[in-house]
């Protein structure tokens, strides 16, 4: 039994889940994706020096999740580029973002009230992609829970997971920015969301797909709009993670006893440090010694 069937939101959720995302929501998704690309250091200069490389980076920002999901499922990674209308729309957004006269397009979409609307619309597309990825993987692998979760995860956050490859196209190599090591809120939310959609798809979560799409989309919209409006990078999951992770995985400080012993042993080894080297002679002392040697030779 669906837990949300008795709520009056059932019909609203069904209508919301059936709402098409192209072209309106996809346009907002492309705008925010290319806007974040323009925020990257050197992106504007690259668009002047190498427009093709800039366009390619923009396409990765717009369609990277589809490419990565197709690679995981053994399908053609260029398959999504057969949607000519989506590629043309993303290309138009890229061109206006970087080459619009007087930078008018960028100024309009980066204006905070407009930007918040586009951010909210982008989260609608993100959740749809997660649900579609899990559904597609379930169609291919009926009992492959981990395949469903991996596919839904990369559909929701594939752009961030491919960030190192995208940086290489811009001539930047920053392995310390690996998204797996330092997950942002969208990446974590996509991971948790794909777990929920996998449980729903395998009938372990008593809720319809439409209701789950509606409620999770509302959660993502509220979180992302608030974080964007306040320029905050704090994850809403942090309080729960700080409570659960030390219990499940231990604290970071308790997992390094060997370092304490190593430092303790090293302190015994250096308990009698060698005497310090004699201080370096000043320039005057060196000149004085030279004069004395010359006087001795003269004598």
Protein backbone atom coordinates (compact mmCIF):
# COMPACT_ATOMS: atom_id res chain seq x y z
CA UNK A 1 0.00 0.00 0.00
CA UNK A 2 1.25 3.44 -0.94
CA UNK A 3 1.76 5.59 2.13
CA UNK A 4 0.87 8.74 0.19
CA UNK A 5 -2.32 7.45 -1.45
CA UNK A 6 -4.53 8.92 1.28
CA UNK A 7 -2.99 12.37 0.88
CA UNK A 8 -4.58 14.92 -1.46
CA UNK A 9 -1.16 15.34 -3.04
CA UNK A 10 -1.54 12.07 -4.95
CA UNK A 11 -3.07 13.61 -8.06
CA UNK A 12 -0.70 16.57 -7.91
CA UNK A 13 2.28 14.23 -7.69
CA UNK A 14 1.02 12.20 -10.65
CA UNK A 15 0.54 15.34 -12.74
CA UNK A 16 3.96 16.63 -11.69
CA UNK A 17 5.65 13.34 -12.64
CA UNK A 18 4.00 13.46 -16.07
CA UNK A 19 5.14 17.03 -16.71
CA UNK A 20 7.48 17.14 -19.72
CA UNK A 21 10.94 18.55 -19.07
CA UNK A 22 11.71 19.56 -22.67
CA UNK A 23 12.21 22.29 -23.60
CA UNK A 24 11.47 24.53 -20.61
CA UNK A 25 13.16 22.62 -17.78
CA UNK A 26 15.97 21.39 -20.01
CA UNK A 27 16.71 24.99 -20.96
CA UNK A 28 17.04 25.92 -17.29
CA UNK A 29 19.28 22.89 -16.76
CA UNK A 30 21.54 23.95 -19.63
CA UNK A 31 21.66 27.56 -18.41
CA UNK A 32 22.79 26.65 -14.90
CA UNK A 33 25.25 24.03 -16.18
CA UNK A 34 26.94 26.44 -18.61
CA UNK A 35 26.78 29.23 -16.01
CA UNK A 36 28.81 27.10 -13.62
CA UNK A 37 31.26 26.46 -16.44
CA UNK A 38 31.70 30.20 -16.94
CA UNK A 39 32.44 30.55 -13.23
CA UNK A 40 35.50 28.32 -13.66
CA UNK A 41 38.84 30.21 -13.74
CA UNK A 42 40.07 30.67 -17.28
CA UNK A 43 36.82 29.54 -18.93
CA UNK A 44 36.19 32.91 -20.60
CA UNK A 45 39.74 33.13 -21.92
CA UNK A 46 39.48 29.58 -23.25
CA UNK A 47 36.29 30.46 -25.13
CA UNK A 48 38.24 33.12 -27.03
CA UNK A 49 41.36 31.07 -27.65
CA UNK A 50 39.65 27.77 -28.45
CA UNK A 51 35.87 28.01 -28.98
CA UNK A 52 35.66 24.31 -29.86
CA UNK A 53 37.23 23.26 -26.55
CA UNK A 54 34.86 25.60 -24.73
CA UNK A 55 31.87 24.12 -26.58
CA UNK A 56 33.04 20.60 -25.79
CA UNK A 57 33.32 21.44 -22.09
CA UNK A 58 29.83 22.92 -22.20
CA UNK A 59 28.46 19.74 -23.77
CA UNK A 60 30.08 17.70 -20.99
CA UNK A 61 28.43 19.95 -18.42
CA UNK A 62 25.08 19.48 -20.13
CA UNK A 63 25.24 15.81 -21.15
CA UNK A 64 28.04 14.30 -19.07
CA UNK A 65 25.63 12.29 -16.94
CA UNK A 66 24.11 10.63 -20.01
CA UNK A 67 27.54 9.79 -21.41
CA UNK A 68 28.76 8.25 -18.16
CA UNK A 69 25.55 6.25 -17.66
CA UNK A 70 25.76 4.85 -21.20
CA UNK A 71 29.37 3.82 -20.59
CA UNK A 72 28.37 1.97 -17.42
CA UNK A 73 25.56 0.12 -19.19
CA UNK A 74 27.67 -0.77 -22.24
CA UNK A 75 25.71 1.45 -24.62
CA UNK A 76 26.92 3.99 -27.15
CA UNK A 77 28.13 7.06 -25.23
CA UNK A 78 27.27 9.26 -28.22
CA UNK A 79 23.69 8.05 -28.30
CA UNK A 80 22.21 11.07 -26.58
CA UNK A 81 23.78 13.39 -29.15
CA UNK A 82 21.30 11.98 -31.65
CA UNK A 83 18.73 14.28 -29.99
CA UNK A 84 19.44 17.18 -32.30
CA UNK A 85 17.01 19.56 -30.62
CA UNK A 86 18.69 19.15 -27.20
CA UNK A 87 22.19 19.60 -28.63
CA UNK A 88 21.16 22.68 -30.60
CA UNK A 89 19.46 24.16 -27.53
CA UNK A 90 22.53 23.54 -25.35
CA UNK A 91 24.77 25.03 -28.05
CA UNK A 92 22.59 28.15 -28.22
CA UNK A 93 22.82 28.55 -24.45
CA UNK A 94 26.61 28.17 -24.59
CA UNK A 95 26.95 30.75 -27.36
CA UNK A 96 24.76 33.30 -25.61
CA UNK A 97 26.53 32.72 -22.30
CA UNK A 98 30.01 33.41 -23.70
CA UNK A 99 29.47 35.59 -26.78
CA UNK A 100 26.31 37.61 -26.21
CA UNK A 101 26.95 41.34 -26.88
CA UNK A 102 27.66 43.33 -23.72
CA UNK A 103 27.36 40.07 -21.76
CA UNK A 104 23.61 40.67 -21.45
CA UNK A 105 22.58 37.03 -21.32
CA UNK A 106 25.03 36.24 -18.52
CA UNK A 107 23.92 39.29 -16.54
CA UNK A 108 20.27 38.28 -16.83
CA UNK A 109 20.64 34.62 -15.83
CA UNK A 110 23.13 35.36 -13.04
CA UNK A 111 20.75 37.90 -11.48
CA UNK A 112 19.93 36.16 -8.20
CA UNK A 113 16.09 35.99 -8.44
CA UNK A 114 16.34 34.59 -11.98
CA UNK A 115 19.14 32.28 -10.98
CA UNK A 116 17.08 30.81 -8.13
CA UNK A 117 14.27 29.99 -10.55
CA UNK A 118 16.67 28.22 -12.90
CA UNK A 119 18.28 26.35 -10.00
CA UNK A 120 14.88 25.07 -8.88
CA UNK A 121 14.04 23.97 -12.43
CA UNK A 122 17.37 22.21 -12.75
CA UNK A 123 16.60 20.08 -9.69
CA UNK A 124 13.39 18.95 -11.38
CA UNK A 125 15.49 17.59 -14.25
CA UNK A 126 18.03 16.04 -11.88
CA UNK A 127 15.45 13.97 -10.01
CA UNK A 128 13.83 12.87 -13.27
CA UNK A 129 17.22 11.71 -14.51
CA UNK A 130 17.83 9.71 -11.33
CA UNK A 131 14.44 8.01 -11.62
CA UNK A 132 14.94 7.33 -15.33
CA UNK A 133 18.39 5.89 -14.74
CA UNK A 134 17.17 3.50 -12.05
CA UNK A 135 14.19 2.48 -14.21
CA UNK A 136 16.40 1.87 -17.26
CA UNK A 137 18.92 -0.20 -15.29
CA UNK A 138 16.06 -2.20 -13.71
CA UNK A 139 14.80 -3.01 -17.20
CA UNK A 140 18.22 -4.43 -18.13
CA UNK A 141 19.19 -5.98 -14.78
CA UNK A 142 16.05 -6.91 -12.82
CA UNK A 143 17.92 -7.95 -9.68
CA UNK A 144 21.01 -5.77 -10.06
CA UNK A 145 20.54 -3.40 -7.15
CA UNK A 146 24.04 -2.00 -7.38
CA UNK A 147 23.70 -1.50 -11.14
CA UNK A 148 20.51 0.48 -10.55
CA UNK A 149 22.10 2.59 -7.86
CA UNK A 150 25.25 3.26 -9.91
CA UNK A 151 23.23 4.23 -12.98
CA UNK A 152 20.88 6.51 -11.07
CA UNK A 153 23.81 8.10 -9.24
CA UNK A 154 25.75 9.00 -12.37
CA UNK A 155 22.56 10.21 -14.04
CA UNK A 156 22.06 12.65 -11.19
CA UNK A 157 25.67 13.75 -10.67
CA UNK A 158 27.61 12.57 -13.70
CA UNK A 159 28.87 16.05 -14.51
CA UNK A 160 30.56 16.36 -11.11
CA UNK A 161 31.97 12.83 -11.35
CA UNK A 162 33.52 13.72 -14.73
CA UNK A 163 34.90 17.03 -13.49
CA UNK A 164 38.54 15.89 -13.63
CA UNK A 165 38.18 14.88 -17.27
CA UNK A 166 36.47 18.16 -18.06
CA UNK A 167 39.32 20.02 -16.34
CA UNK A 168 41.81 18.28 -18.63
CA UNK A 169 39.99 19.73 -21.63
CA UNK A 170 40.53 23.17 -20.09
CA UNK A 171 44.22 22.42 -19.51
CA UNK A 172 43.81 22.05 -15.74
CA UNK A 173 44.84 19.06 -13.64
CA UNK A 174 43.61 19.06 -10.05
CA UNK A 175 43.35 15.47 -8.78
CA UNK A 176 42.75 16.73 -5.25
CA UNK A 177 39.33 17.99 -6.41
CA UNK A 178 38.11 14.45 -7.08
CA UNK A 179 34.37 14.40 -6.45
CA UNK A 180 34.56 10.94 -4.88
CA UNK A 181 36.92 12.26 -2.20
CA UNK A 182 35.05 15.50 -1.60
CA UNK A 183 31.39 14.98 -2.42
CA UNK A 184 29.29 18.07 -2.90
CA UNK A 185 25.67 18.23 -1.80
CA UNK A 186 24.21 17.35 -5.26
CA UNK A 187 26.45 14.28 -5.48
CA UNK A 188 25.48 13.08 -2.01
CA UNK A 189 21.82 13.83 -2.59
CA UNK A 190 21.90 11.94 -5.90
CA UNK A 191 23.47 8.95 -4.13
CA UNK A 192 20.85 8.93 -1.36
CA UNK A 193 18.10 9.55 -3.88
CA UNK A 194 19.11 6.70 -6.12
CA UNK A 195 19.00 4.37 -3.09
CA UNK A 196 15.40 5.44 -2.46
CA UNK A 197 14.43 5.01 -6.11
CA UNK A 198 16.09 1.59 -6.20
CA UNK A 199 14.15 0.49 -3.12
CA UNK A 200 10.96 1.79 -4.70
CA UNK A 201 11.68 0.09 -8.03
CA UNK A 202 12.27 -3.25 -6.29
CA UNK A 203 9.09 -2.81 -4.17
CA UNK A 204 10.91 -2.48 -0.86
CA UNK A 205 9.71 1.08 -0.38
CA UNK A 206 5.88 1.37 -0.17
CA UNK A 207 5.45 4.52 -2.24
CA UNK A 208 4.64 5.13 -5.87
CA UNK A 209 7.29 6.44 -8.24
CA UNK A 210 5.26 9.60 -8.91
CA UNK A 211 5.02 10.44 -5.21
CA UNK A 212 8.70 9.75 -4.64
CA UNK A 213 9.62 11.99 -7.58
CA UNK A 214 7.42 14.77 -6.20
CA UNK A 215 8.65 14.64 -2.59
CA UNK A 216 12.33 14.21 -3.43
CA UNK A 217 12.14 17.01 -5.99
CA UNK A 218 10.62 19.34 -3.39
CA UNK A 219 13.42 18.43 -0.97
CA UNK A 220 16.10 19.12 -3.57
CA UNK A 221 14.52 22.42 -4.63
CA UNK A 222 14.28 23.72 -1.06
CA UNK A 223 17.88 22.74 -0.24
CA UNK A 224 19.48 24.04 -3.43
CA UNK A 225 17.54 27.28 -3.54
CA UNK A 226 18.39 27.99 0.10
CA UNK A 227 22.07 27.14 -0.40
CA UNK A 228 22.27 29.28 -3.55
CA UNK A 229 20.47 32.23 -1.98
CA UNK A 230 22.69 32.19 1.11
CA UNK A 231 25.89 31.22 -0.75
CA UNK A 232 26.23 28.32 1.66
CA UNK A 233 28.26 25.16 1.04
CA UNK A 234 27.16 23.37 4.22
CA UNK A 235 25.47 20.06 3.49
CA UNK A 236 22.02 19.46 5.04
CA UNK A 237 23.15 15.89 5.61
CA UNK A 238 26.06 16.97 7.82
CA UNK A 239 24.26 16.70 11.22
CA UNK A 240 23.06 13.17 10.45
CA UNK A 241 26.42 12.13 9.02
CA UNK A 242 28.27 13.50 12.06
CA UNK A 243 26.00 11.40 14.26
CA UNK A 244 26.01 8.16 12.29
CA UNK A 245 29.48 8.00 10.68
CA UNK A 246 31.52 7.92 13.94
CA UNK A 247 29.29 5.08 15.17
CA UNK A 248 29.60 3.05 11.96
CA UNK A 249 33.13 3.86 10.82
CA UNK A 250 34.86 5.27 13.90
CA UNK A 251 36.26 8.72 14.41
CA UNK A 252 39.21 9.96 12.40
CA UNK A 253 41.42 10.44 15.47
CA UNK A 254 40.90 6.93 16.88
CA UNK A 255 41.95 5.24 13.67
CA UNK A 256 45.62 6.28 13.77
CA UNK A 257 47.25 4.73 16.86
CA UNK A 258 50.34 3.72 14.91
CA UNK A 259 51.17 7.36 14.23
CA UNK A 260 51.30 8.00 17.98
CA UNK A 261 53.70 5.16 18.50
CA UNK A 262 55.78 6.23 15.55
CA UNK A 263 56.08 9.75 16.90
CA UNK A 264 56.80 8.40 20.40
CA UNK A 265 59.56 6.16 19.10
CA UNK A 266 60.96 8.97 17.05
CA UNK A 267 61.12 11.16 20.14
CA UNK A 268 63.34 8.55 21.85
CA UNK A 269 65.63 8.46 18.86
CA UNK A 270 66.09 12.21 18.82
CA UNK A 271 66.15 12.66 22.60
CA UNK A 272 69.85 13.60 22.33
CA UNK A 273 69.98 15.89 19.34
CA UNK A 274 73.35 16.59 17.76
CA UNK A 275 74.99 19.87 18.72
CA UNK A 276 73.97 22.76 16.52
CA UNK A 277 76.38 23.78 13.79
CA UNK A 278 78.59 26.75 14.52
CA UNK A 279 77.07 30.05 13.53
CA UNK A 280 77.98 31.36 10.15
CA UNK A 281 80.63 34.03 10.15
CA UNK A 282 79.64 37.51 9.24
CA UNK A 283 81.12 39.39 6.31
CA UNK A 284 83.25 41.54 8.62
CA UNK A 285 84.71 38.47 10.34
CA UNK A 286 85.55 36.89 7.00
CA UNK A 287 87.28 40.09 5.84
CA UNK A 288 89.21 40.27 9.12
CA UNK A 289 90.42 36.68 8.74
CA UNK A 290 91.54 37.39 5.18
CA UNK A 291 93.55 40.40 6.28
CA UNK A 292 95.26 38.38 9.04
CA UNK A 293 96.25 35.64 6.59
CA UNK A 294 97.70 38.19 4.20
CA UNK A 295 99.67 39.83 7.04
CA UNK A 296 101.13 36.46 8.07
CA UNK A 297 102.21 35.77 4.49
CA UNK A 298 103.83 39.19 4.31
CA UNK A 299 105.77 38.50 7.52
